[in-house]
ModelCIF file with pLDDT and N, C-alpha, C, O atoms, coordinates in Angstrom:
data_MODEL
#
_entry.id   MODEL 
#
_entity.id                         1 
_entity.type                       polymer 
_entity.pdbx_number_of_molecules   1 
#
_entity_poly.entity_id                      1 
_entity_poly.type                           'polypeptide(L)' 
_entity_poly.nstd_linkage                   no 
_entity_poly.nstd_monomer                   no 
_entity_poly.pdbx_seq_one_letter_code       YLVAASIIGLIVLMAYLSETMGAGAYRRITWATSVLA 
_entity_poly.pdbx_seq_one_letter_code_can   YLVAASIIGLIVLMAYLSETMGAGAYRRITWATSVLA 
_entity_poly.pdbx_strand_id                 A 
#
loop_
_entity_poly_seq.entity_id 
_entity_poly_seq.num 
_entity_poly_seq.mon_id 
_entity_poly_seq.hetero 
1 1  TYR n 
1 2  LEU n 
1 3  VAL n 
1 4  ALA n 
1 5  ALA n 
1 6  SER n 
1 7  ILE n 
1 8  ILE n 
1 9  GLY n 
1 10 LEU n 
1 11 ILE n 
1 12 VAL n 
1 13 LEU n 
1 14 MET n 
1 15 ALA n 
1 16 TYR n 
1 17 LEU n 
1 18 SER n 
1 19 GLU n 
1 20 THR n 
1 21 MET n 
1 22 GLY n 
1 23 ALA n 
1 24 GLY n 
1 25 ALA n 
1 26 TYR n 
1 27 ARG n 
1 28 ARG n 
1 29 ILE n 
1 30 THR n 
1 31 TRP n 
1 32 ALA n 
1 33 THR n 
1 34 SER n 
1 35 VAL n 
1 36 LEU n 
1 37 ALA n 
#
_struct_asym.id          A 
_struct_asym.entity_id   1 
#
loop_
_ma_qa_metric.id 
_ma_qa_metric.mode 
_ma_qa_metric.name 
_ma_qa_metric.software_group_id 
_ma_qa_metric.type 
1 global pLDDT . pLDDT 
2 local  pLDDT . pLDDT 
#
_ma_qa_metric_global.metric_id      1 
_ma_qa_metric_global.metric_value   93.08 
_ma_qa_metric_global.model_id       1 
_ma_qa_metric_global.ordinal_id     1 
#
loop_
_ma_qa_metric_local.label_asym_id 
_ma_qa_metric_local.label_comp_id 
_ma_qa_metric_local.label_seq_id 
_ma_qa_metric_local.metric_id 
_ma_qa_metric_local.metric_value 
_ma_qa_metric_local.model_id 
_ma_qa_metric_local.ordinal_id 
A TYR 1  2 91.00 1 1  
A LEU 2  2 93.00 1 2  
A VAL 3  2 91.00 1 3  
A ALA 4  2 93.00 1 4  
A ALA 5  2 96.00 1 5  
A SER 6  2 96.00 1 6  
A ILE 7  2 96.00 1 7  
A ILE 8  2 96.00 1 8  
A GLY 9  2 97.00 1 9  
A LEU 10 2 97.00 1 10 
A ILE 11 2 97.00 1 11 
A VAL 12 2 96.00 1 12 
A LEU 13 2 96.00 1 13 
A MET 14 2 96.00 1 14 
A ALA 15 2 95.00 1 15 
A TYR 16 2 94.00 1 16 
A LEU 17 2 93.00 1 17 
A SER 18 2 92.00 1 18 
A GLU 19 2 89.00 1 19 
A THR 20 2 87.00 1 20 
A MET 21 2 87.00 1 21 
A GLY 22 2 79.00 1 22 
A ALA 23 2 77.00 1 23 
A GLY 24 2 87.00 1 24 
A ALA 25 2 91.00 1 25 
A TYR 26 2 92.00 1 26 
A ARG 27 2 92.00 1 27 
A ARG 28 2 93.00 1 28 
A ILE 29 2 95.00 1 29 
A THR 30 2 95.00 1 30 
A TRP 31 2 95.00 1 31 
A ALA 32 2 96.00 1 32 
A THR 33 2 97.00 1 33 
A SER 34 2 97.00 1 34 
A VAL 35 2 96.00 1 35 
A LEU 36 2 97.00 1 36 
A ALA 37 2 97.00 1 37 
#
loop_
_atom_site.group_PDB 
_atom_site.id 
_atom_site.type_symbol 
_atom_site.label_atom_id 
_atom_site.label_alt_id 
_atom_site.label_comp_id 
_atom_site.label_asym_id 
_atom_site.label_entity_id 
_atom_site.label_seq_id 
_atom_site.pdbx_PDB_ins_code 
_atom_site.Cartn_x 
_atom_site.Cartn_y 
_atom_site.Cartn_z 
_atom_site.occupancy 
_atom_site.B_iso_or_equiv 
_atom_site.pdbx_formal_charge 
_atom_site.auth_seq_id 
_atom_site.auth_comp_id 
_atom_site.auth_asym_id 
_atom_site.auth_atom_id 
_atom_site.pdbx_PDB_model_num 
ATOM 1   N N  . TYR A 1 1  ? -3.985 49.551 159.971 1.00 91.00 ? 1  TYR A N  1 
ATOM 2   C CA . TYR A 1 1  ? -3.537 49.133 158.643 1.00 91.00 ? 1  TYR A CA 1 
ATOM 3   C C  . TYR A 1 1  ? -2.318 49.902 158.158 1.00 91.00 ? 1  TYR A C  1 
ATOM 4   O O  . TYR A 1 1  ? -1.544 49.384 157.353 1.00 91.00 ? 1  TYR A O  1 
ATOM 5   N N  . LEU A 1 2  ? -2.134 51.124 158.633 1.00 93.00 ? 2  LEU A N  1 
ATOM 6   C CA . LEU A 1 2  ? -0.888 51.830 158.322 1.00 93.00 ? 2  LEU A CA 1 
ATOM 7   C C  . LEU A 1 2  ? 0.299  51.127 158.973 1.00 93.00 ? 2  LEU A C  1 
ATOM 8   O O  . LEU A 1 2  ? 1.339  50.944 158.341 1.00 93.00 ? 2  LEU A O  1 
ATOM 9   N N  . VAL A 1 3  ? 0.144  50.736 160.231 1.00 91.00 ? 3  VAL A N  1 
ATOM 10  C CA . VAL A 1 3  ? 1.227  50.028 160.915 1.00 91.00 ? 3  VAL A CA 1 
ATOM 11  C C  . VAL A 1 3  ? 1.441  48.656 160.284 1.00 91.00 ? 3  VAL A C  1 
ATOM 12  O O  . VAL A 1 3  ? 2.580  48.210 160.150 1.00 91.00 ? 3  VAL A O  1 
ATOM 13  N N  . ALA A 1 4  ? 0.360  47.983 159.895 1.00 93.00 ? 4  ALA A N  1 
ATOM 14  C CA . ALA A 1 4  ? 0.509  46.694 159.213 1.00 93.00 ? 4  ALA A CA 1 
ATOM 15  C C  . ALA A 1 4  ? 1.273  46.854 157.900 1.00 93.00 ? 4  ALA A C  1 
ATOM 16  O O  . ALA A 1 4  ? 2.134  46.036 157.578 1.00 93.00 ? 4  ALA A O  1 
ATOM 17  N N  . ALA A 1 5  ? 0.957  47.911 157.136 1.00 96.00 ? 5  ALA A N  1 
ATOM 18  C CA . ALA A 1 5  ? 1.684  48.171 155.896 1.00 96.00 ? 5  ALA A CA 1 
ATOM 19  C C  . ALA A 1 5  ? 3.154  48.440 156.184 1.00 96.00 ? 5  ALA A C  1 
ATOM 20  O O  . ALA A 1 5  ? 4.030  48.008 155.435 1.00 96.00 ? 5  ALA A O  1 
ATOM 21  N N  . SER A 1 6  ? 3.418  49.146 157.259 1.00 96.00 ? 6  SER A N  1 
ATOM 22  C CA . SER A 1 6  ? 4.798  49.429 157.650 1.00 96.00 ? 6  SER A CA 1 
ATOM 23  C C  . SER A 1 6  ? 5.552  48.133 157.934 1.00 96.00 ? 6  SER A C  1 
ATOM 24  O O  . SER A 1 6  ? 6.692  47.967 157.498 1.00 96.00 ? 6  SER A O  1 
ATOM 25  N N  . ILE A 1 7  ? 4.923  47.221 158.658 1.00 96.00 ? 7  ILE A N  1 
ATOM 26  C CA . ILE A 1 7  ? 5.577  45.956 159.007 1.00 96.00 ? 7  ILE A CA 1 
ATOM 27  C C  . ILE A 1 7  ? 5.821  45.107 157.763 1.00 96.00 ? 7  ILE A C  1 
ATOM 28  O O  . ILE A 1 7  ? 6.869  44.474 157.639 1.00 96.00 ? 7  ILE A O  1 
ATOM 29  N N  . ILE A 1 8  ? 4.856  45.092 156.840 1.00 96.00 ? 8  ILE A N  1 
ATOM 30  C CA . ILE A 1 8  ? 5.048  44.353 155.584 1.00 96.00 ? 8  ILE A CA 1 
ATOM 31  C C  . ILE A 1 8  ? 6.236  44.926 154.813 1.00 96.00 ? 8  ILE A C  1 
ATOM 32  O O  . ILE A 1 8  ? 7.071  44.181 154.299 1.00 96.00 ? 8  ILE A O  1 
ATOM 33  N N  . GLY A 1 9  ? 6.305  46.261 154.738 1.00 97.00 ? 9  GLY A N  1 
ATOM 34  C CA . GLY A 1 9  ? 7.430  46.899 154.059 1.00 97.00 ? 9  GLY A CA 1 
ATOM 35  C C  . GLY A 1 9  ? 8.752  46.550 154.704 1.00 97.00 ? 9  GLY A C  1 
ATOM 36  O O  . GLY A 1 9  ? 9.745  46.326 154.012 1.00 97.00 ? 9  GLY A O  1 
ATOM 37  N N  . LEU A 1 10 ? 8.771  46.502 156.028 1.00 97.00 ? 10 LEU A N  1 
ATOM 38  C CA . LEU A 1 10 ? 10.001 46.157 156.742 1.00 97.00 ? 10 LEU A CA 1 
ATOM 39  C C  . LEU A 1 10 ? 10.434 44.723 156.441 1.00 97.00 ? 10 LEU A C  1 
ATOM 40  O O  . LEU A 1 10 ? 11.618 44.461 156.234 1.00 97.00 ? 10 LEU A O  1 
ATOM 41  N N  . ILE A 1 11 ? 9.485  43.805 156.417 1.00 97.00 ? 11 ILE A N  1 
ATOM 42  C CA . ILE A 1 11 ? 9.819  42.405 156.143 1.00 97.00 ? 11 ILE A CA 1 
ATOM 43  C C  . ILE A 1 11 ? 10.374 42.255 154.726 1.00 97.00 ? 11 ILE A C  1 
ATOM 44  O O  . ILE A 1 11 ? 11.348 41.535 154.507 1.00 97.00 ? 11 ILE A O  1 
ATOM 45  N N  . VAL A 1 12 ? 9.746  42.944 153.763 1.00 96.00 ? 12 VAL A N  1 
ATOM 46  C CA . VAL A 1 12 ? 10.233 42.881 152.380 1.00 96.00 ? 12 VAL A CA 1 
ATOM 47  C C  . VAL A 1 12 ? 11.663 43.410 152.295 1.00 96.00 ? 12 VAL A C  1 
ATOM 48  O O  . VAL A 1 12 ? 12.513 42.810 151.637 1.00 96.00 ? 12 VAL A O  1 
ATOM 49  N N  . LEU A 1 13 ? 11.922 44.526 152.957 1.00 96.00 ? 13 LEU A N  1 
ATOM 50  C CA . LEU A 1 13 ? 13.260 45.119 152.937 1.00 96.00 ? 13 LEU A CA 1 
ATOM 51  C C  . LEU A 1 13 ? 14.289 44.202 153.598 1.00 96.00 ? 13 LEU A C  1 
ATOM 52  O O  . LEU A 1 13 ? 15.359 43.967 153.037 1.00 96.00 ? 13 LEU A O  1 
ATOM 53  N N  . MET A 1 14 ? 13.973 43.685 154.776 1.00 96.00 ? 14 MET A N  1 
ATOM 54  C CA . MET A 1 14 ? 14.931 42.855 155.503 1.00 96.00 ? 14 MET A CA 1 
ATOM 55  C C  . MET A 1 14 ? 15.141 41.511 154.828 1.00 96.00 ? 14 MET A C  1 
ATOM 56  O O  . MET A 1 14 ? 16.224 40.936 154.938 1.00 96.00 ? 14 MET A O  1 
ATOM 57  N N  . ALA A 1 15 ? 14.136 40.996 154.132 1.00 95.00 ? 15 ALA A N  1 
ATOM 58  C CA . ALA A 1 15 ? 14.314 39.743 153.386 1.00 95.00 ? 15 ALA A CA 1 
ATOM 59  C C  . ALA A 1 15 ? 15.376 39.933 152.308 1.00 95.00 ? 15 ALA A C  1 
ATOM 60  O O  . ALA A 1 15 ? 16.241 39.077 152.119 1.00 95.00 ? 15 ALA A O  1 
ATOM 61  N N  . TYR A 1 16 ? 15.303 41.059 151.606 1.00 94.00 ? 16 TYR A N  1 
ATOM 62  C CA . TYR A 1 16 ? 16.291 41.324 150.563 1.00 94.00 ? 16 TYR A CA 1 
ATOM 63  C C  . TYR A 1 16 ? 17.678 41.555 151.157 1.00 94.00 ? 16 TYR A C  1 
ATOM 64  O O  . TYR A 1 16 ? 18.662 40.985 150.686 1.00 94.00 ? 16 TYR A O  1 
ATOM 65  N N  . LEU A 1 17 ? 17.752 42.384 152.184 1.00 93.00 ? 17 LEU A N  1 
ATOM 66  C CA . LEU A 1 17 ? 19.055 42.672 152.781 1.00 93.00 ? 17 LEU A CA 1 
ATOM 67  C C  . LEU A 1 17 ? 19.687 41.411 153.361 1.00 93.00 ? 17 LEU A C  1 
ATOM 68  O O  . LEU A 1 17 ? 20.903 41.238 153.280 1.00 93.00 ? 17 LEU A O  1 
ATOM 69  N N  . SER A 1 18 ? 18.889 40.541 153.937 1.00 92.00 ? 18 SER A N  1 
ATOM 70  C CA . SER A 1 18 ? 19.424 39.290 154.476 1.00 92.00 ? 18 SER A CA 1 
ATOM 71  C C  . SER A 1 18 ? 19.997 38.423 153.368 1.00 92.00 ? 18 SER A C  1 
ATOM 72  O O  . SER A 1 18 ? 21.029 37.777 153.549 1.00 92.00 ? 18 SER A O  1 
ATOM 73  N N  . GLU A 1 19 ? 19.327 38.408 152.215 1.00 89.00 ? 19 GLU A N  1 
ATOM 74  C CA . GLU A 1 19 ? 19.818 37.612 151.088 1.00 89.00 ? 19 GLU A CA 1 
ATOM 75  C C  . GLU A 1 19 ? 21.168 38.096 150.594 1.00 89.00 ? 19 GLU A C  1 
ATOM 76  O O  . GLU A 1 19 ? 21.986 37.298 150.137 1.00 89.00 ? 19 GLU A O  1 
ATOM 77  N N  . THR A 1 20 ? 21.406 39.390 150.681 1.00 87.00 ? 20 THR A N  1 
ATOM 78  C CA . THR A 1 20 ? 22.678 39.921 150.184 1.00 87.00 ? 20 THR A CA 1 
ATOM 79  C C  . THR A 1 20 ? 23.860 39.517 151.062 1.00 87.00 ? 20 THR A C  1 
ATOM 80  O O  . THR A 1 20 ? 25.014 39.696 150.673 1.00 87.00 ? 20 THR A O  1 
ATOM 81  N N  . MET A 1 21 ? 23.575 38.973 152.245 1.00 87.00 ? 21 MET A N  1 
ATOM 82  C CA . MET A 1 21 ? 24.643 38.620 153.177 1.00 87.00 ? 21 MET A CA 1 
ATOM 83  C C  . MET A 1 21 ? 25.237 37.246 152.890 1.00 87.00 ? 21 MET A C  1 
ATOM 84  O O  . MET A 1 21 ? 26.272 36.889 153.454 1.00 87.00 ? 21 MET A O  1 
ATOM 85  N N  . GLY A 1 22 ? 24.586 36.461 152.007 1.00 79.00 ? 22 GLY A N  1 
ATOM 86  C CA . GLY A 1 22 ? 25.080 35.117 151.759 1.00 79.00 ? 22 GLY A CA 1 
ATOM 87  C C  . GLY A 1 22 ? 24.739 34.197 152.911 1.00 79.00 ? 22 GLY A C  1 
ATOM 88  O O  . GLY A 1 22 ? 23.997 34.576 153.817 1.00 79.00 ? 22 GLY A O  1 
ATOM 89  N N  . ALA A 1 23 ? 25.278 32.988 152.880 1.00 77.00 ? 23 ALA A N  1 
ATOM 90  C CA . ALA A 1 23 ? 25.009 32.021 153.942 1.00 77.00 ? 23 ALA A CA 1 
ATOM 91  C C  . ALA A 1 23 ? 25.865 32.339 155.165 1.00 77.00 ? 23 ALA A C  1 
ATOM 92  O O  . ALA A 1 23 ? 26.906 32.988 155.059 1.00 77.00 ? 23 ALA A O  1 
ATOM 93  N N  . GLY A 1 24 ? 25.412 31.876 156.317 1.00 87.00 ? 24 GLY A N  1 
ATOM 94  C CA . GLY A 1 24 ? 26.212 32.065 157.519 1.00 87.00 ? 24 GLY A CA 1 
ATOM 95  C C  . GLY A 1 24 ? 25.399 32.535 158.703 1.00 87.00 ? 24 GLY A C  1 
ATOM 96  O O  . GLY A 1 24 ? 24.209 32.825 158.578 1.00 87.00 ? 24 GLY A O  1 
ATOM 97  N N  . ALA A 1 25 ? 26.049 32.610 159.859 1.00 91.00 ? 25 ALA A N  1 
ATOM 98  C CA . ALA A 1 25 ? 25.370 32.950 161.103 1.00 91.00 ? 25 ALA A CA 1 
ATOM 99  C C  . ALA A 1 25 ? 24.834 34.381 161.091 1.00 91.00 ? 25 ALA A C  1 
ATOM 100 O O  . ALA A 1 25 ? 23.748 34.639 161.610 1.00 91.00 ? 25 ALA A O  1 
ATOM 101 N N  . TYR A 1 26 ? 25.587 35.313 160.502 1.00 92.00 ? 26 TYR A N  1 
ATOM 102 C CA . TYR A 1 26 ? 25.127 36.703 160.482 1.00 92.00 ? 26 TYR A CA 1 
ATOM 103 C C  . TYR A 1 26 ? 23.789 36.821 159.768 1.00 92.00 ? 26 TYR A C  1 
ATOM 104 O O  . TYR A 1 26 ? 22.888 37.520 160.231 1.00 92.00 ? 26 TYR A O  1 
ATOM 105 N N  . ARG A 1 27 ? 23.667 36.138 158.649 1.00 92.00 ? 27 ARG A N  1 
ATOM 106 C CA . ARG A 1 27 ? 22.413 36.198 157.897 1.00 92.00 ? 27 ARG A CA 1 
ATOM 107 C C  . ARG A 1 27 ? 21.264 35.609 158.708 1.00 92.00 ? 27 ARG A C  1 
ATOM 108 O O  . ARG A 1 27 ? 20.179 36.188 158.755 1.00 92.00 ? 27 ARG A O  1 
ATOM 109 N N  . ARG A 1 28 ? 21.490 34.474 159.339 1.00 93.00 ? 28 ARG A N  1 
ATOM 110 C CA . ARG A 1 28 ? 20.428 33.822 160.105 1.00 93.00 ? 28 ARG A CA 1 
ATOM 111 C C  . ARG A 1 28 ? 19.995 34.687 161.285 1.00 93.00 ? 28 ARG A C  1 
ATOM 112 O O  . ARG A 1 28 ? 18.805 34.799 161.578 1.00 93.00 ? 28 ARG A O  1 
ATOM 113 N N  . ILE A 1 29 ? 20.958 35.289 161.951 1.00 95.00 ? 29 ILE A N  1 
ATOM 114 C CA . ILE A 1 29 ? 20.615 36.156 163.089 1.00 95.00 ? 29 ILE A CA 1 
ATOM 115 C C  . ILE A 1 29 ? 19.843 37.383 162.615 1.00 95.00 ? 29 ILE A C  1 
ATOM 116 O O  . ILE A 1 29 ? 18.849 37.768 163.231 1.00 95.00 ? 29 ILE A O  1 
ATOM 117 N N  . THR A 1 30 ? 20.294 37.997 161.525 1.00 95.00 ? 30 THR A N  1 
ATOM 118 C CA . THR A 1 30 ? 19.625 39.196 161.001 1.00 95.00 ? 30 THR A CA 1 
ATOM 119 C C  . THR A 1 30 ? 18.182 38.905 160.637 1.00 95.00 ? 30 THR A C  1 
ATOM 120 O O  . THR A 1 30 ? 17.277 39.649 161.015 1.00 95.00 ? 30 THR A O  1 
ATOM 121 N N  . TRP A 1 31 ? 17.965 37.813 159.897 1.00 95.00 ? 31 TRP A N  1 
ATOM 122 C CA . TRP A 1 31 ? 16.613 37.503 159.439 1.00 95.00 ? 31 TRP A CA 1 
ATOM 123 C C  . TRP A 1 31 ? 15.709 37.088 160.606 1.00 95.00 ? 31 TRP A C  1 
ATOM 124 O O  . TRP A 1 31 ? 14.565 37.533 160.694 1.00 95.00 ? 31 TRP A O  1 
ATOM 125 N N  . ALA A 1 32 ? 16.219 36.241 161.495 1.00 96.00 ? 32 ALA A N  1 
ATOM 126 C CA . ALA A 1 32 ? 15.406 35.758 162.612 1.00 96.00 ? 32 ALA A CA 1 
ATOM 127 C C  . ALA A 1 32 ? 14.994 36.903 163.536 1.00 96.00 ? 32 ALA A C  1 
ATOM 128 O O  . ALA A 1 32 ? 13.831 36.991 163.928 1.00 96.00 ? 32 ALA A O  1 
ATOM 129 N N  . THR A 1 33 ? 15.928 37.771 163.882 1.00 97.00 ? 33 THR A N  1 
ATOM 130 C CA . THR A 1 33 ? 15.587 38.876 164.782 1.00 97.00 ? 33 THR A CA 1 
ATOM 131 C C  . THR A 1 33 ? 14.690 39.903 164.094 1.00 97.00 ? 33 THR A C  1 
ATOM 132 O O  . THR A 1 33 ? 13.888 40.562 164.756 1.00 97.00 ? 33 THR A O  1 
ATOM 133 N N  . SER A 1 34 ? 14.816 40.044 162.773 1.00 97.00 ? 34 SER A N  1 
ATOM 134 C CA . SER A 1 34 ? 13.918 40.952 162.040 1.00 97.00 ? 34 SER A CA 1 
ATOM 135 C C  . SER A 1 34 ? 12.480 40.451 162.101 1.00 97.00 ? 34 SER A C  1 
ATOM 136 O O  . SER A 1 34 ? 11.558 41.232 162.338 1.00 97.00 ? 34 SER A O  1 
ATOM 137 N N  . VAL A 1 35 ? 12.288 39.162 161.891 1.00 96.00 ? 35 VAL A N  1 
ATOM 138 C CA . VAL A 1 35 ? 10.943 38.582 161.925 1.00 96.00 ? 35 VAL A CA 1 
ATOM 139 C C  . VAL A 1 35 ? 10.355 38.679 163.331 1.00 96.00 ? 35 VAL A C  1 
ATOM 140 O O  . VAL A 1 35 ? 9.186  39.030 163.494 1.00 96.00 ? 35 VAL A O  1 
ATOM 141 N N  . LEU A 1 36 ? 11.161 38.370 164.342 1.00 97.00 ? 36 LEU A N  1 
ATOM 142 C CA . LEU A 1 36 ? 10.687 38.479 165.718 1.00 97.00 ? 36 LEU A CA 1 
ATOM 143 C C  . LEU A 1 36 ? 10.332 39.922 166.069 1.00 97.00 ? 36 LEU A C  1 
ATOM 144 O O  . LEU A 1 36 ? 9.341  40.173 166.754 1.00 97.00 ? 36 LEU A O  1 
ATOM 145 N N  . ALA A 1 37 ? 11.141 40.864 165.599 1.00 97.00 ? 37 ALA A N  1 
ATOM 146 C CA . ALA A 1 37 ? 10.864 42.277 165.864 1.00 97.00 ? 37 ALA A CA 1 
ATOM 147 C C  . ALA A 1 37 ? 9.572  42.714 165.192 1.00 97.00 ? 37 ALA A C  1 
ATOM 148 O O  . ALA A 1 37 ? 9.179  43.875 165.306 1.00 97.00 ? 37 ALA A O  1 
#
């Protein structure tokens, strides 16, 4: 559950950071690879 909490925190952080990138390929690659990771 500590690792699960860590992964949830990572997804929340990367969701926000991806949004700040605007539309485009960079944003899609960042978000997709974050979720896969």
